[in-house]
Amino acid sequence: MHDDDFEHDHPIGPNAVVEDLEGVEMFSLKSVGIDIGSSTSHLVFSRLTLRRQGASLSGRFRVTEREVIFRSGIMLTPYLSGTLIDTDQVKQFIQESYREAGLGPQEVDTGAVIITGEALKKENAQPIVEFFAQYSGKFICAAAGHNHEALLAAYGCGAVDLSQREKARVLNVDMGGGTTKFSLIEEGIVSQTASINVGARLIAFDAAGTVTRLEEAGRLFMERLGYPVALGQKISRQAQEDLAASMAGILIEMIEQGPTSALAKRLLVTEPFTDYRGLEQIDYLVFSGGVSEHVYDRDRTCYGDVGPFLGEKIRTYLDRHPRKDMLREPLEGIRATVIGAGEYTMQASGHTSYISHPGALPAFGLKVIRAPVQRGRAVRDVLSRSLAKFGFPVFTGGLAFALTLEGQQDYHSIREVAEGIAEVVQQADDDFCPLYLTMDMDVAKSLGAILKEELKLGREIIALDGIDVGDLDYIDIGSAMGNTEVIPVTVKSLMFPATKVK
């Protein structure tokens, strides 16, 4: 994912408008972000303008303008039961939003469908997000995972831009219905992410106070507070306030020092920050997500959950905090993740990629095998260990090696890398599957040519430069767009939890 060296790279779709003004290439494309969350679901359509400055043929495309062209209404995510999302209602909502935007799926170039929070745990979560990714456009990423959601929210709410602009350390706290995500951002780089099972809609209720939805984390909080709770049972206003206060206490603990209490450690759904010193190392604090609308007192409406109480508790804490200049407002609150999904999940190769045969594209669902190639270490051994880390004894189909190369490269060093790759690939259990390579520097064309034309590797080779992916990612690689050699890449994070809070 694009956390360390992210430069807002995106693919170029067939609907893109291309202009060449004094040597500057410009692309305009339509993007969608669809967020199916534990509390709410909504869409945002945007028009993105990308430019590649200068004469370098290996230059990356960067987003220079973003314009939101349509925001859908916000729907409470519908459930058929405690374990099933209502697919038909979600489908109808998404289709109506496309119609209201005046767009068809064939007109959307890029974007993402993400499923977040407690919605991740539902039985039909994975088929739902993958189905809507196929429906929603051409290069639409299906994504899930708490760290990924934290990353998208940090970009979408403007916290990353704030950190970069002011050379500051920013803590983004994205408060949703089922989880709260934390992103630590240092001078424009998201250095750490974490998530905890604290959210406004762990318990939902109707206007009469009757419980209509109960997540395991919500039950755990109520048991700790000494309140009996069950579906169909009444929850008093006092119990709602006490629940919100208890959750706010956990979030404040996370903000001030990280998880120290047994309850906070139990509620974590990811690893916590490492070497976190609390607010002493933070310049600015930015809240986003649905509950942030209550934190900043933008919305006082109760949607059948403890959001207003939870927002009020956090606001009271901030009002009493001595550092009054620490709190900053987000560019986007409840829509932070969906804005991030529409704009920050895609990458595009540079112009120095190598494609031995266009028939090897598009390719879908390639598992990334990250291999850090360092001088003095045998490339064959590095690749073999990287494969073994994921249980692959030899190279096989459905994989993409993501190479990180150390130092300045010349013909001899690239040839050495190529020879190591060839040794590993020649032991593959599939003699015909293509070899897909991504790398973080502009040597893909040279590497691919050496493999295919000098070492005579028999299989097709796709080598892409300017792509930054990690071990937990999957990628789709599209075909070259228009008359360019730019290759669109969608980066996925598909991690569906198998267990609940115990």
Protein backbone atom coordinates (compact mmCIF):
# COMPACT_ATOMS: atom_id res chain seq x y z
CA MET A 1 0.00 0.00 0.00
CA HIS A 2 1.09 3.55 -0.43
CA ASP A 3 2.08 4.57 3.08
CA ASP A 4 5.80 5.39 2.97
CA ASP A 5 6.39 6.77 -0.52
CA PHE A 6 2.87 7.44 -1.66
CA GLU A 7 2.69 10.04 -4.39
CA HIS A 8 -1.01 9.92 -5.36
CA ASP A 9 -0.43 7.63 -8.35
CA HIS A 10 -3.50 6.47 -10.26
CA PRO A 11 -4.33 4.48 -13.38
CA ILE A 12 -5.41 5.97 -16.66
CA GLY A 13 -8.81 4.78 -17.85
CA PRO A 14 -10.29 4.69 -21.32
CA ASN A 15 -12.62 7.56 -20.41
CA ALA A 16 -9.66 9.77 -19.60
CA VAL A 17 -9.22 13.09 -21.36
CA VAL A 18 -5.61 13.48 -22.53
CA GLU A 19 -3.97 16.76 -23.40
CA ASP A 20 -0.38 17.63 -24.25
CA LEU A 21 0.41 21.21 -23.29
CA GLU A 22 4.01 22.29 -23.76
CA GLY A 23 5.29 18.82 -22.92
CA VAL A 24 3.00 18.25 -19.94
CA GLU A 25 0.72 15.21 -20.20
CA MET A 26 -2.61 15.54 -18.41
CA PHE A 27 -5.26 12.91 -17.72
CA SER A 28 -8.74 13.43 -16.33
CA LEU A 29 -10.70 10.42 -15.08
CA LYS A 30 -13.74 9.54 -12.99
CA SER A 31 -13.37 7.77 -9.68
CA VAL A 32 -15.80 6.22 -7.20
CA GLY A 33 -15.45 5.42 -3.53
CA ILE A 34 -18.03 3.06 -2.01
CA ASP A 35 -17.93 2.48 1.74
CA ILE A 36 -20.03 -0.31 3.23
CA GLY A 37 -19.50 0.31 6.91
CA SER A 38 -20.81 -1.25 10.08
CA SER A 39 -22.93 1.84 10.73
CA THR A 40 -23.45 3.62 7.40
CA SER A 41 -22.92 3.11 3.68
CA HIS A 42 -22.35 5.83 1.08
CA LEU A 43 -20.68 6.74 -2.22
CA VAL A 44 -18.63 9.61 -3.58
CA PHE A 45 -17.83 10.23 -7.24
CA SER A 46 -14.84 12.41 -8.11
CA ARG A 47 -13.05 13.77 -11.13
CA LEU A 48 -9.29 13.45 -10.81
CA THR A 49 -6.75 15.32 -12.92
CA LEU A 50 -3.29 13.76 -13.22
CA ARG A 51 -0.21 15.39 -14.73
CA ARG A 52 3.30 14.19 -15.48
CA GLN A 53 5.69 17.11 -15.35
CA GLY A 54 8.90 17.42 -17.34
CA ALA A 55 10.47 15.42 -20.13
CA SER A 56 11.47 12.29 -18.19
CA LEU A 57 9.86 9.24 -19.73
CA SER A 58 9.87 7.51 -16.34
CA GLY A 59 8.00 10.24 -14.50
CA ARG A 60 4.99 9.19 -12.44
CA PHE A 61 1.53 10.64 -12.84
CA ARG A 62 0.36 12.70 -9.91
CA VAL A 63 -3.04 13.98 -8.95
CA THR A 64 -3.02 17.77 -9.26
CA GLU A 65 -6.76 18.44 -8.96
CA ARG A 66 -9.63 16.68 -7.23
CA GLU A 67 -13.26 17.62 -7.72
CA VAL A 68 -16.13 15.84 -5.99
CA ILE A 69 -18.90 15.60 -8.59
CA PHE A 70 -21.51 13.70 -6.55
CA ARG A 71 -22.07 12.65 -2.96
CA SER A 72 -24.74 10.07 -2.28
CA GLY A 73 -27.04 10.15 0.67
CA ILE A 74 -25.95 8.25 3.76
CA MET A 75 -27.78 4.98 4.39
CA LEU A 76 -27.75 3.06 7.64
CA THR A 77 -26.16 -0.25 6.63
CA PRO A 78 -29.01 -2.79 6.46
CA TYR A 79 -28.80 -6.19 8.13
CA LEU A 80 -30.94 -9.30 7.67
CA SER A 81 -29.66 -10.68 10.96
CA GLY A 82 -26.81 -10.23 13.38
CA THR A 83 -24.50 -12.05 10.96
CA LEU A 84 -25.82 -11.08 7.49
CA ILE A 85 -25.79 -7.81 5.55
CA ASP A 86 -28.88 -7.20 3.39
CA THR A 87 -27.31 -7.50 -0.07
CA ASP A 88 -30.44 -6.50 -1.98
CA GLN A 89 -30.85 -3.21 -0.12
CA VAL A 90 -27.18 -2.34 -0.55
CA LYS A 91 -27.41 -3.16 -4.27
CA GLN A 92 -30.49 -0.98 -4.71
CA PHE A 93 -28.82 1.91 -2.87
CA ILE A 94 -25.67 1.72 -5.00
CA GLN A 95 -27.63 1.50 -8.26
CA GLU A 96 -29.80 4.48 -7.28
CA SER A 97 -26.70 6.48 -6.39
CA TYR A 98 -25.21 5.80 -9.84
CA ARG A 99 -28.47 6.94 -11.46
CA GLU A 100 -28.60 10.10 -9.35
CA ALA A 101 -24.99 10.85 -10.30
CA GLY A 102 -25.89 10.42 -13.96
CA LEU A 103 -23.19 7.78 -14.40
CA GLY A 104 -23.09 4.17 -15.48
CA PRO A 105 -20.46 1.68 -14.28
CA GLN A 106 -18.86 1.74 -17.73
CA GLU A 107 -18.14 5.46 -17.27
CA VAL A 108 -16.17 5.00 -14.03
CA ASP A 109 -12.43 4.48 -14.50
CA THR A 110 -11.12 3.76 -11.04
CA GLY A 111 -11.90 3.66 -7.34
CA ALA A 112 -12.62 1.20 -4.57
CA VAL A 113 -15.37 -0.66 -2.77
CA ILE A 114 -14.39 -1.14 0.86
CA ILE A 115 -16.06 -2.90 3.75
CA THR A 116 -15.12 -1.68 7.20
CA GLY A 117 -15.55 -2.00 10.93
CA GLU A 118 -17.90 -4.64 12.33
CA ALA A 119 -19.33 -5.15 8.81
CA LEU A 120 -16.06 -7.01 8.07
CA LYS A 121 -17.15 -9.82 10.37
CA LYS A 122 -20.46 -10.61 8.70
CA GLU A 123 -20.77 -13.95 6.93
CA ASN A 124 -21.37 -12.45 3.48
CA ALA A 125 -18.87 -9.57 3.75
CA GLN A 126 -16.31 -10.88 1.28
CA PRO A 127 -18.70 -11.88 -1.56
CA ILE A 128 -20.55 -8.56 -1.14
CA VAL A 129 -17.49 -6.35 -1.55
CA GLU A 130 -16.11 -8.43 -4.43
CA PHE A 131 -19.47 -8.42 -6.23
CA PHE A 132 -19.83 -4.67 -6.06
CA ALA A 133 -16.22 -4.17 -7.12
CA GLN A 134 -17.02 -6.08 -10.32
CA TYR A 135 -20.23 -4.09 -10.84
CA SER A 136 -18.96 -0.60 -10.12
CA GLY A 137 -16.49 0.13 -12.92
CA LYS A 138 -13.40 -0.99 -14.78
CA PHE A 139 -10.49 -0.91 -12.34
CA ILE A 140 -12.36 -0.99 -9.06
CA CYS A 141 -10.50 -2.37 -6.07
CA ALA A 142 -12.25 -4.64 -3.56
CA ALA A 143 -10.71 -3.86 -0.19
CA ALA A 144 -11.10 -4.71 3.46
CA GLY A 145 -8.95 -4.55 6.55
CA HIS A 146 -8.59 -2.31 9.56
CA ASN A 147 -5.10 -0.97 8.80
CA HIS A 148 -6.12 -0.23 5.22
CA GLU A 149 -9.20 1.65 6.41
CA ALA A 150 -7.07 3.70 8.80
CA LEU A 151 -4.75 4.62 5.95
CA LEU A 152 -7.60 5.67 3.66
CA ALA A 153 -9.22 7.76 6.38
CA ALA A 154 -5.94 9.55 7.11
CA TYR A 155 -5.63 10.57 3.46
CA GLY A 156 -9.33 11.24 2.92
CA CYS A 157 -9.83 13.53 5.93
CA GLY A 158 -6.84 15.72 5.05
CA ALA A 159 -4.64 14.71 7.99
CA VAL A 160 -1.81 13.58 5.69
CA ASP A 161 -1.91 16.87 3.77
CA LEU A 162 -1.88 18.79 7.08
CA SER A 163 1.13 16.83 8.29
CA GLN A 164 3.00 17.36 5.03
CA ARG A 165 2.11 21.03 4.73
CA GLU A 166 3.15 21.95 8.28
CA LYS A 167 5.94 19.36 8.69
CA ALA A 168 4.08 18.11 11.74
CA ARG A 169 3.23 14.93 13.60
CA VAL A 170 -0.51 14.35 13.35
CA LEU A 171 -2.66 11.73 15.04
CA ASN A 172 -5.82 10.93 13.07
CA VAL A 173 -8.59 9.27 15.08
CA ASP A 174 -11.28 7.87 12.79
CA MET A 175 -14.36 7.03 14.89
CA GLY A 176 -16.92 4.80 13.23
CA GLY A 177 -19.82 2.58 14.15
CA GLY A 178 -17.86 -0.58 14.92
CA THR A 179 -14.22 0.42 15.25
CA THR A 180 -11.96 3.40 15.82
CA LYS A 181 -8.83 3.64 13.68
CA PHE A 182 -5.63 5.50 14.57
CA SER A 183 -3.03 6.78 12.11
CA LEU A 184 0.26 8.32 13.19
CA ILE A 185 1.47 10.67 10.44
CA GLU A 186 4.95 12.19 10.43
CA GLU A 187 5.71 14.93 7.91
CA GLY A 188 3.22 13.56 5.41
CA ILE A 189 4.06 9.85 5.87
CA VAL A 190 1.67 7.46 7.61
CA SER A 191 4.16 5.67 9.83
CA GLN A 192 1.80 3.52 11.93
CA THR A 193 -1.84 2.45 11.99
CA ALA A 194 -3.94 0.63 14.58
CA SER A 195 -7.59 -0.19 15.24
CA ILE A 196 -9.74 -1.00 18.26
CA ASN A 197 -13.26 -2.40 18.68
CA VAL A 198 -14.80 0.82 19.95
CA GLY A 199 -17.61 2.48 17.98
CA ALA A 200 -20.95 4.20 18.32
CA ARG A 201 -23.02 1.36 16.89
CA LEU A 202 -21.80 -1.64 18.84
CA ILE A 203 -25.30 -1.44 20.31
CA ALA A 204 -28.15 0.02 18.24
CA PHE A 205 -31.69 0.70 19.39
CA ASP A 206 -34.97 2.11 18.14
CA ALA A 207 -36.79 5.26 19.24
CA ALA A 208 -38.24 3.42 22.25
CA GLY A 209 -34.79 2.30 23.39
CA THR A 210 -35.26 -1.35 22.36
CA VAL A 211 -32.00 -3.01 21.35
CA THR A 212 -32.05 -3.94 17.64
CA ARG A 213 -28.39 -4.78 17.13
CA LEU A 214 -25.78 -6.08 19.53
CA GLU A 215 -22.12 -6.74 18.68
CA GLU A 216 -19.85 -8.82 20.90
CA ALA A 217 -17.74 -5.80 21.87
CA GLY A 218 -20.92 -3.96 22.90
CA ARG A 219 -21.95 -6.91 25.07
CA LEU A 220 -18.50 -6.90 26.66
CA PHE A 221 -18.75 -3.21 27.59
CA MET A 222 -22.21 -3.68 29.10
CA GLU A 223 -21.10 -6.69 31.13
CA ARG A 224 -18.20 -4.66 32.54
CA LEU A 225 -20.66 -1.90 33.44
CA GLY A 226 -23.05 -4.34 35.12
CA TYR A 227 -25.96 -3.82 32.72
CA PRO A 228 -27.89 -6.79 31.34
CA VAL A 229 -28.31 -6.49 27.58
CA ALA A 230 -30.00 -8.56 24.87
CA LEU A 231 -31.76 -8.08 21.56
CA GLY A 232 -35.32 -6.89 22.14
CA GLN A 233 -34.48 -5.58 25.61
CA LYS A 234 -34.69 -1.91 26.61
CA ILE A 235 -31.53 0.11 27.18
CA SER A 236 -31.98 3.13 29.45
CA ARG A 237 -30.62 6.58 28.75
CA GLN A 238 -28.32 6.22 31.76
CA ALA A 239 -26.95 2.96 30.38
CA GLN A 240 -26.36 4.65 27.03
CA GLU A 241 -24.44 7.48 28.67
CA ASP A 242 -22.41 5.09 30.81
CA LEU A 243 -21.58 3.00 27.74
CA ALA A 244 -20.42 6.12 25.89
CA ALA A 245 -18.31 7.23 28.86
CA SER A 246 -16.64 3.83 29.10
CA MET A 247 -15.83 3.80 25.39
CA ALA A 248 -14.54 7.39 25.52
CA GLY A 249 -12.25 6.38 28.39
CA ILE A 250 -10.70 3.64 26.27
CA LEU A 251 -10.19 6.00 23.32
CA ILE A 252 -8.60 8.66 25.54
CA GLU A 253 -6.29 5.97 26.92
CA MET A 254 -5.29 5.06 23.37
CA ILE A 255 -4.67 8.71 22.49
CA GLU A 256 -2.73 9.61 25.62
CA GLN A 257 -0.52 6.55 26.06
CA GLY A 258 -1.65 3.60 23.98
CA PRO A 259 -3.39 0.49 25.36
CA THR A 260 -2.43 -0.14 28.98
CA SER A 261 -5.63 -1.51 30.53
CA ALA A 262 -6.70 -5.14 30.12
CA LEU A 263 -9.93 -4.04 28.40
CA ALA A 264 -8.16 -1.90 25.82
CA LYS A 265 -5.72 -4.71 25.00
CA ARG A 266 -8.62 -7.14 24.62
CA LEU A 267 -10.51 -4.82 22.27
CA LEU A 268 -7.58 -4.25 19.89
CA VAL A 269 -8.16 -5.73 16.44
CA THR A 270 -4.64 -4.91 15.17
CA GLU A 271 -1.22 -4.58 16.75
CA PRO A 272 -0.87 -1.30 18.71
CA PHE A 273 1.58 1.47 17.86
CA THR A 274 5.19 0.74 18.78
CA ASP A 275 7.30 3.23 20.76
CA TYR A 276 4.32 5.56 21.12
CA ARG A 277 4.85 8.35 23.68
CA GLY A 278 1.36 9.79 23.57
CA LEU A 279 0.42 13.41 23.03
CA GLU A 280 3.91 14.64 23.90
CA GLN A 281 5.00 13.59 20.40
CA ILE A 282 1.84 14.87 18.65
CA ASP A 283 1.51 18.35 17.17
CA TYR A 284 -2.08 18.08 15.97
CA LEU A 285 -5.07 15.82 16.60
CA VAL A 286 -7.66 15.30 13.83
CA PHE A 287 -10.89 13.34 14.28
CA SER A 288 -12.80 11.84 11.36
CA GLY A 289 -15.50 9.22 10.80
CA GLY A 290 -19.20 9.38 11.62
CA VAL A 291 -18.72 10.13 15.33
CA SER A 292 -16.44 13.07 14.49
CA GLU A 293 -19.56 14.96 13.37
CA HIS A 294 -20.59 14.85 17.04
CA VAL A 295 -17.07 15.58 18.34
CA TYR A 296 -16.98 18.84 16.37
CA ASP A 297 -20.67 19.47 17.24
CA ARG A 298 -21.70 19.53 13.56
CA ASP A 299 -24.55 17.08 14.12
CA ARG A 300 -26.66 16.44 17.21
CA THR A 301 -29.01 13.92 15.62
CA CYS A 302 -29.33 10.50 17.26
CA TYR A 303 -29.32 7.67 14.72
CA GLY A 304 -30.26 4.95 17.18
CA ASP A 305 -26.83 4.62 18.75
CA VAL A 306 -24.60 6.32 21.33
CA GLY A 307 -22.82 8.52 18.78
CA PRO A 308 -24.01 11.85 20.26
CA PHE A 309 -23.02 10.80 23.80
CA LEU A 310 -19.66 9.45 22.65
CA GLY A 311 -18.90 12.60 20.67
CA GLU A 312 -19.87 14.76 23.65
CA LYS A 313 -17.56 12.83 26.02
CA ILE A 314 -14.60 13.28 23.66
CA ARG A 315 -15.46 16.96 23.13
CA THR A 316 -15.55 17.54 26.89
CA TYR A 317 -12.12 15.92 27.23
CA LEU A 318 -10.73 18.15 24.49
CA ASP A 319 -12.29 21.29 25.97
CA ARG A 320 -10.52 20.58 29.26
CA HIS A 321 -7.18 19.78 27.68
CA PRO A 322 -4.56 22.51 28.24
CA ARG A 323 -3.32 22.40 24.61
CA LYS A 324 -6.12 24.30 22.92
CA ASP A 325 -4.26 24.59 19.60
CA MET A 326 -3.81 20.83 19.26
CA LEU A 327 -7.24 20.05 17.75
CA ARG A 328 -7.69 20.60 14.02
CA GLU A 329 -10.82 20.05 11.93
CA PRO A 330 -10.81 17.52 9.08
CA LEU A 331 -11.57 18.37 5.48
CA GLU A 332 -13.98 15.43 5.58
CA GLY A 333 -15.63 13.85 8.62
CA ILE A 334 -18.05 10.98 8.04
CA ARG A 335 -16.94 10.72 4.40
CA ALA A 336 -13.19 10.57 5.08
CA THR A 337 -12.81 6.85 4.31
CA VAL A 338 -14.97 6.93 1.20
CA ILE A 339 -13.07 9.96 -0.14
CA GLY A 340 -9.83 8.12 0.53
CA ALA A 341 -11.17 4.98 -1.17
CA GLY A 342 -12.02 6.92 -4.31
CA GLU A 343 -8.68 8.67 -4.60
CA TYR A 344 -5.89 6.80 -2.86
CA THR A 345 -6.14 3.08 -3.65
CA MET A 346 -4.64 3.11 -7.14
CA GLN A 347 -1.19 3.38 -8.62
CA ALA A 348 0.09 3.70 -12.17
CA SER A 349 3.36 2.53 -13.62
CA GLY A 350 5.89 4.86 -15.17
CA HIS A 351 6.74 4.80 -18.87
CA THR A 352 9.68 2.39 -18.54
CA SER A 353 7.79 -0.85 -18.00
CA TYR A 354 8.36 -4.07 -19.97
CA ILE A 355 5.53 -6.09 -21.51
CA SER A 356 6.67 -9.14 -23.47
CA HIS A 357 3.16 -9.86 -24.73
CA PRO A 358 -0.06 -7.85 -24.19
CA GLY A 359 -2.00 -11.12 -23.88
CA ALA A 360 -0.62 -11.54 -20.36
CA LEU A 361 -2.80 -8.60 -19.29
CA PRO A 362 -5.08 -7.92 -17.57
CA ALA A 363 -4.20 -10.07 -14.55
CA PHE A 364 -6.31 -10.24 -11.41
CA GLY A 365 -5.77 -11.20 -7.79
CA LEU A 366 -1.99 -11.57 -7.85
CA LYS A 367 -0.51 -12.26 -4.43
CA VAL A 368 2.38 -9.86 -3.73
CA ILE A 369 5.67 -11.45 -2.65
CA ARG A 370 7.89 -8.63 -1.46
CA ALA A 371 11.61 -9.24 -1.90
CA PRO A 372 14.18 -6.70 -0.62
CA VAL A 373 17.23 -7.21 -2.85
CA GLN A 374 20.38 -5.99 -1.14
CA ARG A 375 23.92 -5.90 -2.44
CA GLY A 376 26.03 -8.81 -1.24
CA ARG A 377 23.06 -11.16 -0.86
CA ALA A 378 22.23 -13.77 -3.48
CA VAL A 379 19.07 -12.76 -5.31
CA ARG A 380 18.04 -16.42 -5.63
CA ASP A 381 18.17 -16.85 -1.83
CA VAL A 382 16.22 -13.64 -1.19
CA LEU A 383 13.43 -14.70 -3.56
CA SER A 384 13.31 -18.26 -2.19
CA ARG A 385 13.03 -17.01 1.40
CA SER A 386 10.33 -14.54 0.39
CA LEU A 387 8.34 -17.36 -1.22
CA ALA A 388 8.84 -19.64 1.77
CA LYS A 389 7.48 -16.95 4.09
CA PHE A 390 4.07 -17.55 2.52
CA GLY A 391 4.42 -21.31 2.28
CA PHE A 392 5.45 -21.50 -1.39
CA PRO A 393 8.28 -24.03 -1.91
CA VAL A 394 8.75 -22.85 -5.50
CA PHE A 395 7.48 -20.12 -7.81
CA THR A 396 3.94 -20.70 -9.09
CA GLY A 397 1.16 -18.91 -10.94
CA GLY A 398 -0.85 -16.12 -9.34
CA LEU A 399 2.13 -14.37 -7.76
CA ALA A 400 3.86 -11.04 -8.32
CA PHE A 401 7.38 -10.36 -7.04
CA ALA A 402 7.68 -6.83 -5.62
CA LEU A 403 11.38 -5.98 -5.76
CA THR A 404 13.03 -3.26 -3.74
CA LEU A 405 16.52 -2.59 -5.08
CA GLU A 406 19.35 -1.06 -3.10
CA GLY A 407 21.56 1.70 -4.43
CA GLN A 408 22.23 2.98 -7.93
CA GLN A 409 21.69 0.35 -10.62
CA ASP A 410 23.78 -0.32 -13.72
CA TYR A 411 23.77 -3.08 -16.35
CA HIS A 412 25.85 -5.47 -14.26
CA SER A 413 23.71 -5.14 -11.12
CA ILE A 414 20.48 -5.50 -13.10
CA ARG A 415 21.90 -8.54 -14.90
CA GLU A 416 22.72 -10.08 -11.52
CA VAL A 417 19.12 -9.53 -10.36
CA ALA A 418 17.81 -11.03 -13.61
CA GLU A 419 19.99 -14.13 -13.24
CA GLY A 420 18.73 -14.69 -9.69
CA ILE A 421 15.11 -14.35 -10.82
CA ALA A 422 15.71 -16.76 -13.70
CA GLU A 423 17.16 -19.39 -11.35
CA VAL A 424 14.10 -19.28 -9.10
CA VAL A 425 11.54 -19.15 -11.90
CA GLN A 426 13.10 -22.08 -13.79
CA GLN A 427 12.20 -24.27 -10.78
CA ALA A 428 8.52 -23.28 -10.97
CA ASP A 429 5.73 -25.85 -10.82
CA ASP A 430 4.10 -24.17 -13.83
CA ASP A 431 6.09 -23.87 -17.05
CA PHE A 432 3.76 -21.36 -18.68
CA CYS A 433 2.45 -18.93 -16.05
CA PRO A 434 3.61 -15.35 -16.71
CA LEU A 435 6.19 -13.69 -14.49
CA TYR A 436 4.89 -10.47 -12.96
CA LEU A 437 7.39 -8.06 -11.40
CA THR A 438 6.95 -4.66 -9.76
CA MET A 439 9.74 -2.44 -8.51
CA ASP A 440 10.28 0.85 -6.80
CA MET A 441 12.73 2.31 -9.30
CA ASP A 442 12.83 2.85 -13.05
CA VAL A 443 14.69 -0.25 -14.25
CA ALA A 444 11.74 -2.44 -15.27
CA LYS A 445 12.31 -2.17 -19.01
CA SER A 446 16.00 -3.13 -18.67
CA LEU A 447 15.27 -5.99 -16.28
CA GLY A 448 12.49 -7.39 -18.45
CA ALA A 449 14.62 -7.17 -21.59
CA ILE A 450 17.53 -9.02 -19.98
CA LEU A 451 15.24 -11.78 -18.71
CA LYS A 452 13.45 -12.27 -22.02
CA GLU A 453 15.97 -11.37 -24.69
CA GLU A 454 19.32 -12.27 -23.11
CA LEU A 455 18.48 -15.07 -20.66
CA LYS A 456 15.77 -16.40 -23.00
CA LEU A 457 13.19 -16.99 -20.25
CA GLY A 458 10.38 -18.89 -21.96
CA ARG A 459 7.38 -17.47 -20.10
CA GLU A 460 5.78 -14.06 -20.68
CA ILE A 461 7.19 -11.22 -18.56
CA ILE A 462 5.41 -8.14 -17.22
CA ALA A 463 7.76 -5.80 -15.32
CA LEU A 464 6.37 -2.52 -13.94
CA ASP A 465 8.24 0.39 -12.43
CA GLY A 466 7.06 3.00 -9.95
CA ILE A 467 4.79 0.62 -8.00
CA ASP A 468 4.93 0.48 -4.19
CA VAL A 469 3.23 -2.55 -2.62
CA GLY A 470 3.74 -4.71 0.44
CA ASP A 471 3.53 -8.28 1.72
CA LEU A 472 -0.16 -8.15 2.69
CA ASP A 473 -1.35 -6.81 -0.67
CA TYR A 474 -2.96 -8.30 -3.73
CA ILE A 475 -2.90 -6.49 -7.06
CA ASP A 476 -4.82 -6.36 -10.32
CA ILE A 477 -2.79 -5.24 -13.34
CA GLY A 478 -4.68 -3.70 -16.24
CA SER A 479 -3.79 -3.35 -19.90
CA ALA A 480 -1.86 -0.35 -21.20
CA MET A 481 -4.12 2.67 -21.56
CA GLY A 482 -4.66 4.35 -24.91
CA ASN A 483 -1.46 5.17 -26.75
CA THR A 484 0.57 5.33 -23.55
CA GLU A 485 2.67 2.68 -21.85
CA VAL A 486 1.07 3.51 -18.51
CA ILE A 487 -0.21 0.39 -16.73
CA PRO A 488 -2.98 0.74 -14.11
CA VAL A 489 -2.54 -1.22 -10.89
CA THR A 490 -5.18 -1.61 -8.19
CA VAL A 491 -3.85 -2.43 -4.75
CA LYS A 492 -6.05 -4.59 -2.56
CA SER A 493 -6.08 -5.39 1.11
CA LEU A 494 -8.38 -8.38 1.61
CA MET A 495 -8.24 -9.41 5.25
CA PHE A 496 -11.54 -10.70 6.57
CA PRO A 497 -11.43 -11.51 10.30
CA ALA A 498 -12.39 -15.07 11.22
CA THR A 499 -12.96 -14.43 14.91
CA LYS A 500 -14.84 -11.98 17.09
CA VAL A 501 -14.04 -10.33 20.40
CA LYS A 502 -14.21 -12.97 23.12
